[in-house]
PDB file of N, CA and C in Angstrom:
ATOM      1  N   UNK A   1     -24.302 -12.322   6.246  1.00  0.00           N
ATOM      2  CA  UNK A   1     -23.214 -12.509   5.307  1.00  0.00           C
ATOM      3  C   UNK A   1     -22.033 -11.652   5.738  1.00  0.00           C
ATOM      4  N   UNK A   2     -20.860 -12.239   5.781  1.00  0.00           N
ATOM      5  CA  UNK A   2     -19.657 -11.525   6.215  1.00  0.00           C
ATOM      6  C   UNK A   2     -19.194 -10.562   5.128  1.00  0.00           C
ATOM      7  N   UNK A   3     -18.702  -9.418   5.571  1.00  0.00           N
ATOM      8  CA  UNK A   3     -18.210  -8.416   4.634  1.00  0.00           C
ATOM      9  C   UNK A   3     -16.825  -8.817   4.132  1.00  0.00           C
ATOM     10  N   UNK A   4     -16.630  -8.742   2.830  1.00  0.00           N
ATOM     11  CA  UNK A   4     -15.312  -9.026   2.239  1.00  0.00           C
ATOM     12  C   UNK A   4     -14.389  -7.855   2.508  1.00  0.00           C
ATOM     13  N   UNK A   5     -13.206  -8.153   2.968  1.00  0.00           N
ATOM     14  CA  UNK A   5     -12.239  -7.093   3.238  1.00  0.00           C
ATOM     15  C   UNK A   5     -11.459  -6.719   2.001  1.00  0.00           C
ATOM     16  N   UNK A   6     -11.227  -7.645   1.122  1.00  0.00           N
ATOM     17  CA  UNK A   6     -10.493  -7.347  -0.101  1.00  0.00           C
ATOM     18  C   UNK A   6      -9.031  -7.737   0.004  1.00  0.00           C
ATOM     19  N   UNK A   7      -8.345  -7.562  -1.083  1.00  0.00           N
ATOM     20  CA  UNK A   7      -6.934  -7.931  -1.148  1.00  0.00           C
ATOM     21  C   UNK A   7      -6.030  -6.726  -1.330  1.00  0.00           C
ATOM     22  N   UNK A   8      -6.611  -5.529  -1.417  1.00  0.00           N
ATOM     23  CA  UNK A   8      -5.812  -4.330  -1.641  1.00  0.00           C
ATOM     24  C   UNK A   8      -5.707  -3.512  -0.355  1.00  0.00           C
ATOM     25  N   UNK A   9      -4.461  -3.123  -0.047  1.00  0.00           N
ATOM     26  CA  UNK A   9      -4.195  -2.304   1.130  1.00  0.00           C
ATOM     27  C   UNK A   9      -3.808  -0.889   0.723  1.00  0.00           C
ATOM     28  N   UNK A  10      -4.223   0.076   1.521  1.00  0.00           N
ATOM     29  CA  UNK A  10      -3.840   1.469   1.348  1.00  0.00           C
ATOM     30  C   UNK A  10      -2.743   1.744   2.380  1.00  0.00           C
ATOM     31  N   UNK A  11      -1.600   2.233   1.930  1.00  0.00           N
ATOM     32  CA  UNK A  11      -0.455   2.482   2.809  1.00  0.00           C
ATOM     33  C   UNK A  11      -0.168   3.982   2.784  1.00  0.00           C
ATOM     34  N   UNK A  12      -0.216   4.627   3.957  1.00  0.00           N
ATOM     35  CA  UNK A  12      -0.011   6.076   4.008  1.00  0.00           C
ATOM     36  C   UNK A  12       1.172   6.442   4.901  1.00  0.00           C
ATOM     37  N   UNK A  13       1.600   7.693   4.767  1.00  0.00           N
ATOM     38  CA  UNK A  13       2.721   8.278   5.511  1.00  0.00           C
ATOM     39  C   UNK A  13       4.062   7.659   5.131  1.00  0.00           C
ATOM     40  N   UNK A  14       4.181   7.205   3.896  1.00  0.00           N
ATOM     41  CA  UNK A  14       5.457   6.657   3.426  1.00  0.00           C
ATOM     42  C   UNK A  14       6.455   7.783   3.207  1.00  0.00           C
ATOM     43  N   UNK A  15       7.713   7.462   3.353  1.00  0.00           N
ATOM     44  CA  UNK A  15       8.772   8.409   3.031  1.00  0.00           C
ATOM     45  C   UNK A  15       8.680   8.761   1.553  1.00  0.00           C
ATOM     46  N   UNK A  16       8.982   9.996   1.223  1.00  0.00           N
ATOM     47  CA  UNK A  16       8.969  10.422  -0.178  1.00  0.00           C
ATOM     48  C   UNK A  16      10.105   9.781  -0.967  1.00  0.00           C
ATOM     49  N   UNK A  17      11.019   9.126  -0.277  1.00  0.00           N
ATOM     50  CA  UNK A  17      12.147   8.460  -0.925  1.00  0.00           C
ATOM     51  C   UNK A  17      11.867   6.976  -1.177  1.00  0.00           C
ATOM     52  N   UNK A  18      10.711   6.481  -0.737  1.00  0.00           N
ATOM     53  CA  UNK A  18      10.341   5.091  -0.974  1.00  0.00           C
ATOM     54  C   UNK A  18      10.055   4.911  -2.462  1.00  0.00           C
ATOM     55  N   UNK A  19      10.561   3.826  -3.029  1.00  0.00           N
ATOM     56  CA  UNK A  19      10.276   3.557  -4.441  1.00  0.00           C
ATOM     57  C   UNK A  19       9.384   2.322  -4.569  1.00  0.00           C
ATOM     58  N   UNK A  20       8.951   2.081  -5.786  1.00  0.00           N
ATOM     59  CA  UNK A  20       8.030   0.981  -6.088  1.00  0.00           C
ATOM     60  C   UNK A  20       8.584  -0.369  -5.614  1.00  0.00           C
ATOM     61  N   UNK A  21       9.835  -0.654  -5.930  1.00  0.00           N
ATOM     62  CA  UNK A  21      10.423  -1.947  -5.583  1.00  0.00           C
ATOM     63  C   UNK A  21      10.544  -2.113  -4.068  1.00  0.00           C
ATOM     64  N   UNK A  22      10.899  -1.041  -3.379  1.00  0.00           N
ATOM     65  CA  UNK A  22      11.010  -1.101  -1.916  1.00  0.00           C
ATOM     66  C   UNK A  22       9.648  -1.392  -1.278  1.00  0.00           C
ATOM     67  N   UNK A  23       8.597  -0.778  -1.812  1.00  0.00           N
ATOM     68  CA  UNK A  23       7.252  -1.020  -1.292  1.00  0.00           C
ATOM     69  C   UNK A  23       6.868  -2.493  -1.478  1.00  0.00           C
ATOM     70  N   UNK A  24       7.154  -3.027  -2.644  1.00  0.00           N
ATOM     71  CA  UNK A  24       6.847  -4.436  -2.922  1.00  0.00           C
ATOM     72  C   UNK A  24       7.654  -5.356  -2.003  1.00  0.00           C
ATOM     73  N   UNK A  25       8.930  -5.082  -1.840  1.00  0.00           N
ATOM     74  CA  UNK A  25       9.798  -5.893  -0.993  1.00  0.00           C
ATOM     75  C   UNK A  25       9.361  -5.828   0.469  1.00  0.00           C
ATOM     76  N   UNK A  26       8.921  -4.673   0.899  1.00  0.00           N
ATOM     77  CA  UNK A  26       8.482  -4.469   2.278  1.00  0.00           C
ATOM     78  C   UNK A  26       7.293  -5.360   2.633  1.00  0.00           C
ATOM     79  N   UNK A  27       6.405  -5.575   1.677  1.00  0.00           N
ATOM     80  CA  UNK A  27       5.192  -6.344   1.948  1.00  0.00           C
ATOM     81  C   UNK A  27       5.264  -7.799   1.490  1.00  0.00           C
ATOM     82  N   UNK A  28       6.272  -8.173   0.735  1.00  0.00           N
ATOM     83  CA  UNK A  28       6.348  -9.532   0.196  1.00  0.00           C
ATOM     84  C   UNK A  28       6.509 -10.648   1.241  1.00  0.00           C
ATOM     85  N   UNK A  29       7.045 -10.411   2.436  1.00  0.00           N
ATOM     86  CA  UNK A  29       7.119 -11.512   3.406  1.00  0.00           C
ATOM     87  C   UNK A  29       5.754 -12.044   3.849  1.00  0.00           C
ATOM     88  N   UNK A  30       4.683 -11.317   3.553  1.00  0.00           N
ATOM     89  CA  UNK A  30       3.358 -11.713   4.030  1.00  0.00           C
ATOM     90  C   UNK A  30       2.536 -12.448   2.982  1.00  0.00           C
ATOM     91  N   UNK A  31       3.071 -12.560   1.773  1.00  0.00           N
ATOM     92  CA  UNK A  31       2.352 -13.274   0.728  1.00  0.00           C
ATOM     93  C   UNK A  31       2.762 -12.796  -0.653  1.00  0.00           C
ATOM     94  N   UNK A  32       2.028 -13.260  -1.648  1.00  0.00           N
ATOM     95  CA  UNK A  32       2.327 -12.910  -3.035  1.00  0.00           C
ATOM     96  C   UNK A  32       1.761 -11.518  -3.331  1.00  0.00           C
ATOM     97  N   UNK A  33       2.655 -10.578  -3.618  1.00  0.00           N
ATOM     98  CA  UNK A  33       2.245  -9.221  -3.954  1.00  0.00           C
ATOM     99  C   UNK A  33       1.978  -9.168  -5.456  1.00  0.00           C
ATOM    100  N   UNK A  34       0.720  -8.981  -5.817  1.00  0.00           N
ATOM    101  CA  UNK A  34       0.354  -8.911  -7.233  1.00  0.00           C
ATOM    102  C   UNK A  34       0.698  -7.548  -7.819  1.00  0.00           C
ATOM    103  N   UNK A  35       0.562  -6.501  -6.996  1.00  0.00           N
ATOM    104  CA  UNK A  35       0.857  -5.150  -7.457  1.00  0.00           C
ATOM    105  C   UNK A  35       1.226  -4.278  -6.269  1.00  0.00           C
ATOM    106  N   UNK A  36       2.214  -3.420  -6.470  1.00  0.00           N
ATOM    107  CA  UNK A  36       2.577  -2.407  -5.483  1.00  0.00           C
ATOM    108  C   UNK A  36       2.781  -1.125  -6.269  1.00  0.00           C
ATOM    109  N   UNK A  37       2.004  -0.102  -5.918  1.00  0.00           N
ATOM    110  CA  UNK A  37       2.147   1.138  -6.678  1.00  0.00           C
ATOM    111  C   UNK A  37       2.137   2.348  -5.756  1.00  0.00           C
ATOM    112  N   UNK A  38       2.994   3.270  -6.070  1.00  0.00           N
ATOM    113  CA  UNK A  38       3.066   4.540  -5.359  1.00  0.00           C
ATOM    114  C   UNK A  38       2.316   5.574  -6.179  1.00  0.00           C
ATOM    115  N   UNK A  39       1.658   6.468  -5.503  1.00  0.00           N
ATOM    116  CA  UNK A  39       0.931   7.522  -6.190  1.00  0.00           C
ATOM    117  C   UNK A  39       1.844   8.740  -6.297  1.00  0.00           C
ATOM    118  N   UNK A  40       1.900   9.293  -7.502  1.00  0.00           N
ATOM    119  CA  UNK A  40       2.770  10.437  -7.778  1.00  0.00           C
ATOM    120  C   UNK A  40       1.950  11.659  -8.155  1.00  0.00           C
ATOM    121  N   UNK A  41       2.520  12.824  -7.880  1.00  0.00           N
ATOM    122  CA  UNK A  41       1.920  14.075  -8.308  1.00  0.00           C
ATOM    123  C   UNK A  41       2.030  14.145  -9.829  1.00  0.00           C
ATOM    124  N   UNK A  42       0.941  14.403 -10.537  1.00  0.00           N
ATOM    125  CA  UNK A  42       1.002  14.387 -11.997  1.00  0.00           C
ATOM    126  C   UNK A  42       1.885  15.481 -12.597  1.00  0.00           C
ATOM    127  N   UNK A  43       2.044  16.592 -11.899  1.00  0.00           N
ATOM    128  CA  UNK A  43       2.863  17.687 -12.437  1.00  0.00           C
ATOM    129  C   UNK A  43       4.347  17.499 -12.163  1.00  0.00           C
ATOM    130  N   UNK A  44       4.679  17.147 -10.923  1.00  0.00           N
ATOM    131  CA  UNK A  44       6.096  17.060 -10.531  1.00  0.00           C
ATOM    132  C   UNK A  44       6.654  15.650 -10.623  1.00  0.00           C
ATOM    133  N   UNK A  45       5.786  14.643 -10.683  1.00  0.00           N
ATOM    134  CA  UNK A  45       6.161  13.225 -10.684  1.00  0.00           C
ATOM    135  C   UNK A  45       6.826  12.784  -9.379  1.00  0.00           C
ATOM    136  N   UNK A  46       6.732  13.604  -8.339  1.00  0.00           N
ATOM    137  CA  UNK A  46       7.256  13.211  -7.028  1.00  0.00           C
ATOM    138  C   UNK A  46       6.214  12.368  -6.303  1.00  0.00           C
ATOM    139  N   UNK A  47       6.656  11.364  -5.539  1.00  0.00           N
ATOM    140  CA  UNK A  47       5.709  10.548  -4.773  1.00  0.00           C
ATOM    141  C   UNK A  47       4.934  11.411  -3.772  1.00  0.00           C
ATOM    142  N   UNK A  48       3.679  11.062  -3.573  1.00  0.00           N
ATOM    143  CA  UNK A  48       2.823  11.801  -2.642  1.00  0.00           C
ATOM    144  C   UNK A  48       2.890  11.241  -1.218  1.00  0.00           C
ATOM    145  N   UNK A  49       3.586  10.113  -1.027  1.00  0.00           N
ATOM    146  CA  UNK A  49       3.720   9.557   0.318  1.00  0.00           C
ATOM    147  C   UNK A  49       2.697   8.488   0.652  1.00  0.00           C
ATOM    148  N   UNK A  50       1.982   8.007  -0.352  1.00  0.00           N
ATOM    149  CA  UNK A  50       1.064   6.903  -0.107  1.00  0.00           C
ATOM    150  C   UNK A  50       0.971   6.028  -1.347  1.00  0.00           C
ATOM    151  N   UNK A  51       0.427   4.824  -1.138  1.00  0.00           N
ATOM    152  CA  UNK A  51       0.326   3.889  -2.255  1.00  0.00           C
ATOM    153  C   UNK A  51      -0.596   2.737  -1.922  1.00  0.00           C
ATOM    154  N   UNK A  52      -0.611   1.773  -2.825  1.00  0.00           N
ATOM    155  CA  UNK A  52      -1.483   0.611  -2.696  1.00  0.00           C
ATOM    156  C   UNK A  52      -0.678  -0.657  -2.915  1.00  0.00           C
ATOM    157  N   UNK A  53      -0.996  -1.686  -2.130  1.00  0.00           N
ATOM    158  CA  UNK A  53      -0.371  -2.998  -2.279  1.00  0.00           C
ATOM    159  C   UNK A  53      -1.503  -4.007  -2.414  1.00  0.00           C
ATOM    160  N   UNK A  54      -1.448  -4.797  -3.476  1.00  0.00           N
ATOM    161  CA  UNK A  54      -2.488  -5.799  -3.725  1.00  0.00           C
ATOM    162  C   UNK A  54      -1.899  -7.195  -3.573  1.00  0.00           C
ATOM    163  N   UNK A  55      -2.567  -8.010  -2.757  1.00  0.00           N
ATOM    164  CA  UNK A  55      -2.144  -9.389  -2.513  1.00  0.00           C
ATOM    165  C   UNK A  55      -3.014 -10.360  -3.290  1.00  0.00           C
ATOM    166  N   UNK A  56      -2.564 -11.586  -3.348  1.00  0.00           N
ATOM    167  CA  UNK A  56      -3.316 -12.631  -4.045  1.00  0.00           C
ATOM    168  C   UNK A  56      -4.554 -13.053  -3.257  1.00  0.00           C
ATOM    169  N   UNK A  57      -4.456 -13.074  -1.918  1.00  0.00           N
ATOM    170  CA  UNK A  57      -5.598 -13.507  -1.108  1.00  0.00           C
ATOM    171  C   UNK A  57      -5.883 -12.507   0.016  1.00  0.00           C
ATOM    172  N   UNK A  58      -7.108 -12.580   0.525  1.00  0.00           N
ATOM    173  CA  UNK A  58      -7.493 -11.736   1.661  1.00  0.00           C
ATOM    174  C   UNK A  58      -6.682 -12.078   2.906  1.00  0.00           C
ATOM    175  N   UNK A  59      -6.376 -13.348   3.084  1.00  0.00           N
ATOM    176  CA  UNK A  59      -5.607 -13.786   4.253  1.00  0.00           C
ATOM    177  C   UNK A  59      -4.232 -13.140   4.262  1.00  0.00           C
ATOM    178  N   UNK A  60      -3.575 -13.113   3.110  1.00  0.00           N
ATOM    179  CA  UNK A  60      -2.248 -12.484   3.016  1.00  0.00           C
ATOM    180  C   UNK A  60      -2.343 -10.991   3.307  1.00  0.00           C
ATOM    181  N   UNK A  61      -3.363 -10.350   2.767  1.00  0.00           N
ATOM    182  CA  UNK A  61      -3.543  -8.918   2.996  1.00  0.00           C
ATOM    183  C   UNK A  61      -3.767  -8.636   4.484  1.00  0.00           C
ATOM    184  N   UNK A  62      -4.559  -9.473   5.117  1.00  0.00           N
ATOM    185  CA  UNK A  62      -4.842  -9.284   6.548  1.00  0.00           C
ATOM    186  C   UNK A  62      -3.583  -9.469   7.392  1.00  0.00           C
ATOM    187  N   UNK A  63      -2.763 -10.469   7.056  1.00  0.00           N
ATOM    188  CA  UNK A  63      -1.495 -10.676   7.775  1.00  0.00           C
ATOM    189  C   UNK A  63      -0.588  -9.455   7.622  1.00  0.00           C
ATOM    190  N   UNK A  64      -0.505  -8.917   6.418  1.00  0.00           N
ATOM    191  CA  UNK A  64       0.343  -7.755   6.157  1.00  0.00           C
ATOM    192  C   UNK A  64      -0.157  -6.536   6.923  1.00  0.00           C
ATOM    193  N   UNK A  65      -1.456  -6.344   6.943  1.00  0.00           N
ATOM    194  CA  UNK A  65      -2.029  -5.211   7.667  1.00  0.00           C
ATOM    195  C   UNK A  65      -1.675  -5.288   9.144  1.00  0.00           C
ATOM    196  N   UNK A  66      -1.881  -6.445   9.741  1.00  0.00           N
ATOM    197  CA  UNK A  66      -1.595  -6.622  11.168  1.00  0.00           C
ATOM    198  C   UNK A  66      -0.117  -6.387  11.484  1.00  0.00           C
ATOM    199  N   UNK A  67       0.753  -6.836  10.597  1.00  0.00           N
ATOM    200  CA  UNK A  67       2.190  -6.729  10.856  1.00  0.00           C
ATOM    201  C   UNK A  67       2.756  -5.334  10.556  1.00  0.00           C
ATOM    202  N   UNK A  68       2.196  -4.661   9.562  1.00  0.00           N
ATOM    203  CA  UNK A  68       2.808  -3.413   9.089  1.00  0.00           C
ATOM    204  C   UNK A  68       2.149  -2.137   9.602  1.00  0.00           C
ATOM    205  N   UNK A  69       0.904  -2.186  10.013  1.00  0.00           N
ATOM    206  CA  UNK A  69       0.228  -0.982  10.492  1.00  0.00           C
ATOM    207  C   UNK A  69       0.889  -0.484  11.774  1.00  0.00           C
ATOM    208  N   UNK A  70       1.306   0.767  11.773  1.00  0.00           N
ATOM    209  CA  UNK A  70       1.950   1.352  12.945  1.00  0.00           C
ATOM    210  C   UNK A  70       3.437   1.062  13.039  1.00  0.00           C
ATOM    211  N   UNK A  71       4.017   0.540  11.993  1.00  0.00           N
ATOM    212  CA  UNK A  71       5.448   0.223  11.981  1.00  0.00           C
ATOM    213  C   UNK A  71       6.257   1.427  11.481  1.00  0.00           C
ATOM    214  N   UNK A  72       7.474   1.525  11.941  1.00  0.00           N
ATOM    215  CA  UNK A  72       8.357   2.602  11.482  1.00  0.00           C
ATOM    216  C   UNK A  72       9.159   2.099  10.288  1.00  0.00           C
ATOM    217  N   UNK A  73       9.045   2.815   9.171  1.00  0.00           N
ATOM    218  CA  UNK A  73       9.757   2.483   7.940  1.00  0.00           C
ATOM    219  C   UNK A  73      10.451   3.747   7.450  1.00  0.00           C
ATOM    220  N   UNK A  74      11.765   3.663   7.292  1.00  0.00           N
ATOM    221  CA  UNK A  74      12.569   4.820   6.858  1.00  0.00           C
ATOM    222  C   UNK A  74      12.346   6.022   7.781  1.00  0.00           C
ATOM    223  N   UNK A  75      12.214   5.743   9.067  1.00  0.00           N
ATOM    224  CA  UNK A  75      12.064   6.805  10.056  1.00  0.00           C
ATOM    225  C   UNK A  75      10.670   7.410  10.141  1.00  0.00           C
ATOM    226  N   UNK A  76       9.705   6.811   9.465  1.00  0.00           N
ATOM    227  CA  UNK A  76       8.337   7.338   9.484  1.00  0.00           C
ATOM    228  C   UNK A  76       7.362   6.262   9.958  1.00  0.00           C
ATOM    229  N   UNK A  77       6.403   6.672  10.759  1.00  0.00           N
ATOM    230  CA  UNK A  77       5.346   5.793  11.225  1.00  0.00           C
ATOM    231  C   UNK A  77       4.320   5.648  10.096  1.00  0.00           C
ATOM    232  N   UNK A  78       4.169   4.441   9.554  1.00  0.00           N
ATOM    233  CA  UNK A  78       3.230   4.244   8.450  1.00  0.00           C
ATOM    234  C   UNK A  78       1.916   3.668   8.954  1.00  0.00           C
ATOM    235  N   UNK A  79       0.869   3.909   8.190  1.00  0.00           N
ATOM    236  CA  UNK A  79      -0.447   3.365   8.500  1.00  0.00           C
ATOM    237  C   UNK A  79      -0.904   2.514   7.327  1.00  0.00           C
ATOM    238  N   UNK A  80      -1.496   1.374   7.654  1.00  0.00           N
ATOM    239  CA  UNK A  80      -1.980   0.444   6.635  1.00  0.00           C
ATOM    240  C   UNK A  80      -3.434   0.122   6.956  1.00  0.00           C
ATOM    241  N   UNK A  81      -4.274   0.179   5.929  1.00  0.00           N
ATOM    242  CA  UNK A  81      -5.683  -0.171   6.093  1.00  0.00           C
ATOM    243  C   UNK A  81      -6.174  -0.801   4.793  1.00  0.00           C
ATOM    244  N   UNK A  82      -7.300  -1.476   4.872  1.00  0.00           N
ATOM    245  CA  UNK A  82      -7.872  -2.018   3.648  1.00  0.00           C
ATOM    246  C   UNK A  82      -8.331  -0.860   2.784  1.00  0.00           C
ATOM    247  N   UNK A  83      -8.020  -0.934   1.497  1.00  0.00           N
ATOM    248  CA  UNK A  83      -8.392   0.130   0.566  1.00  0.00           C
ATOM    249  C   UNK A  83      -9.888   0.072   0.297  1.00  0.00           C
ATOM    250  N   UNK A  84     -10.483   1.236   0.220  1.00  0.00           N
ATOM    251  CA  UNK A  84     -11.889   1.336  -0.172  1.00  0.00           C
ATOM    252  C   UNK A  84     -11.914   1.533  -1.675  1.00  0.00           C
ATOM    253  N   UNK A  85     -12.917   1.048  -2.322  1.00  0.00           N
ATOM    254  CA  UNK A  85     -12.994   1.160  -3.781  1.00  0.00           C
ATOM    255  C   UNK A  85     -12.877   2.597  -4.258  1.00  0.00           C
ATOM    256  N   UNK A  86     -13.442   3.535  -3.511  1.00  0.00           N
ATOM    257  CA  UNK A  86     -13.393   4.923  -3.958  1.00  0.00           C
ATOM    258  C   UNK A  86     -11.978   5.491  -3.892  1.00  0.00           C
ATOM    259  N   UNK A  87     -11.158   5.082  -2.923  1.00  0.00           N
ATOM    260  CA  UNK A  87      -9.772   5.553  -2.838  1.00  0.00           C
ATOM    261  C   UNK A  87      -8.951   5.034  -4.016  1.00  0.00           C
ATOM    262  N   UNK A  88      -9.092   3.766  -4.288  1.00  0.00           N
ATOM    263  CA  UNK A  88      -8.284   3.132  -5.320  1.00  0.00           C
ATOM    264  C   UNK A  88      -8.647   3.625  -6.721  1.00  0.00           C
ATOM    265  N   UNK A  89      -9.903   3.885  -6.958  1.00  0.00           N
ATOM    266  CA  UNK A  89     -10.310   4.252  -8.321  1.00  0.00           C
ATOM    267  C   UNK A  89     -10.190   5.739  -8.607  1.00  0.00           C
ATOM    268  N   UNK A  90     -10.272   6.596  -7.600  1.00  0.00           N
ATOM    269  CA  UNK A  90     -10.217   8.034  -7.839  1.00  0.00           C
ATOM    270  C   UNK A  90      -8.821   8.610  -7.779  1.00  0.00           C
ATOM    271  N   UNK A  91      -7.854   7.825  -7.383  1.00  0.00           N
ATOM    272  CA  UNK A  91      -6.492   8.311  -7.205  1.00  0.00           C
ATOM    273  C   UNK A  91      -5.715   8.252  -8.503  1.00  0.00           C
ATOM    274  N   UNK A  92      -4.970   9.325  -8.782  1.00  0.00           N
ATOM    275  CA  UNK A  92      -4.143   9.353  -9.979  1.00  0.00           C
ATOM    276  C   UNK A  92      -3.055   8.307  -9.849  1.00  0.00           C
ATOM    277  N   UNK A  93      -2.877   7.480 -10.849  1.00  0.00           N
ATOM    278  CA  UNK A  93      -1.936   6.370 -10.763  1.00  0.00           C
ATOM    279  C   UNK A  93      -0.738   6.545 -11.666  1.00  0.00           C
ATOM    280  N   UNK A  94      -0.378   7.755 -11.996  1.00  0.00           N
ATOM    281  CA  UNK A  94       0.812   7.962 -12.830  1.00  0.00           C
ATOM    282  C   UNK A  94       2.050   7.545 -12.078  1.00  0.00           C
ATOM    283  N   UNK A  95       2.671   6.469 -12.507  1.00  0.00           N
ATOM    284  CA  UNK A  95       3.880   5.974 -11.835  1.00  0.00           C
ATOM    285  C   UNK A  95       4.988   5.805 -12.823  1.00  0.00           C
TER     286      UNK A  95
END
C-alpha cells in the first residue's frame, strides 16, 4: 500500500516580514490553497519564520513542493516539505 503524502506542506526559513496573504499568494499558482498560516510567537506575536500551506489535493501539494523547495523568496532560501502530523498539531497557531 502506498504511503499518503498529504495535502499540507511545512514551509521553513521564511522572511519575518512575510504575511499570511503573501504566503497564500506565493503558493496559489500550484492549486487551490485551502489554508495558509504563519506561526507566531505567543508572547511577541512576531512571525517565527515558518508556516503551513494546505492544498485541496495531494497532486497540488506535490507540484508546489517541487516548484518551491529551495527557491529564494524575499532574499531567503526557503525549504518546503510535507508536514508531519506531529509538527502541525503541536505548533502554536496564534495568528
